[in-house]
Amino acid sequence: MNDRAVDVADLRVRRGRNEVLRGITLSTPRGQVVGLLGPSGSGKTTLMRSIVGVQKITSGTVAVLGERAGSPKLRRRIGYVTQASSVYDDLTVRENLRYFARVLSAPASDVDRVIDETGLGKQATQLTGSLSGGQRGRVSLAAALLGAPELLVLDEPTVGLDPVLRTELWELFHRLADAGTSLLVSSHVMDEAVRCDRLLLLRDGELIADDTLHGLLAKTGADDAESAFLAVIRDRDRGTARDEAGAA
């Protein structure tokens, strides 16, 4: 079995004249929580959509769990949570999950399992539309967990959550990884880097770091994740300036 969850080679995505992803190449191991970090507009969502197979790419290749991204074989092997919750407001939490379980041909028992894993027991009989934004996001996450996918792709799943709920979700992510699930979790909050096994840092559509937090701190001499990322960005910008000066 391929020991990598995701393999991306020279991935480029254009929208009109704008190149959103500029030759991204990366590999992520199975069974780890990989953080995809970067400011808004850096290309995180486009990269995730490319991995899930719903993004039109310009060039390059994307393989997921040993298959071409978007392959029908991957439909039940990947769970994807978008920034906007993708559940039905006029159904209860449990009704939503029963519906998605049928769509995914997941066992009926999965509904209770994912409700328990995401801490939605008290909200199970409530209409989803009556929940807070953070709770609705947890319903989307619960739906993505149905069928026990091998890879979870989570686009900013902790946005808008209070610190307690954020901590609970990260604990869940690591329990899933310990059980063999691979996770790719995006965030623009740099302090979440300490919760990841490996880090991918995007800026302006380019991958400027692919390392563990320990590795980044060692290479940059920084004391924390944010300082390390700023050091990487400064080094990249200085290199770009030298290249431009040399070409002039």
Foldseek 3Di string as FASTA:
>chain_A
DDQWFKFWFQWWADDVPAIQAGGDTDTHGWLWEEEEEEDPSLNLVVVLCCQQQNHDTDDTFMAGPNHGRPDPVCPLQEFEQAPQQDFDQQAFLLVRLCVLCVVSVFDNVLSVVLCVLLVVPVRRRPRLNVDDRLVSLSSSVSSSCGSNHQEYEYEASCPPPDPVSVVSVLVSVNVSSVVTHHYYYYDHDQQCLVSTQWYFYGGSNYTQDTGRQVVLCVVQVDDGRVVSVVSSVVVVVVVVVVVVVVVD
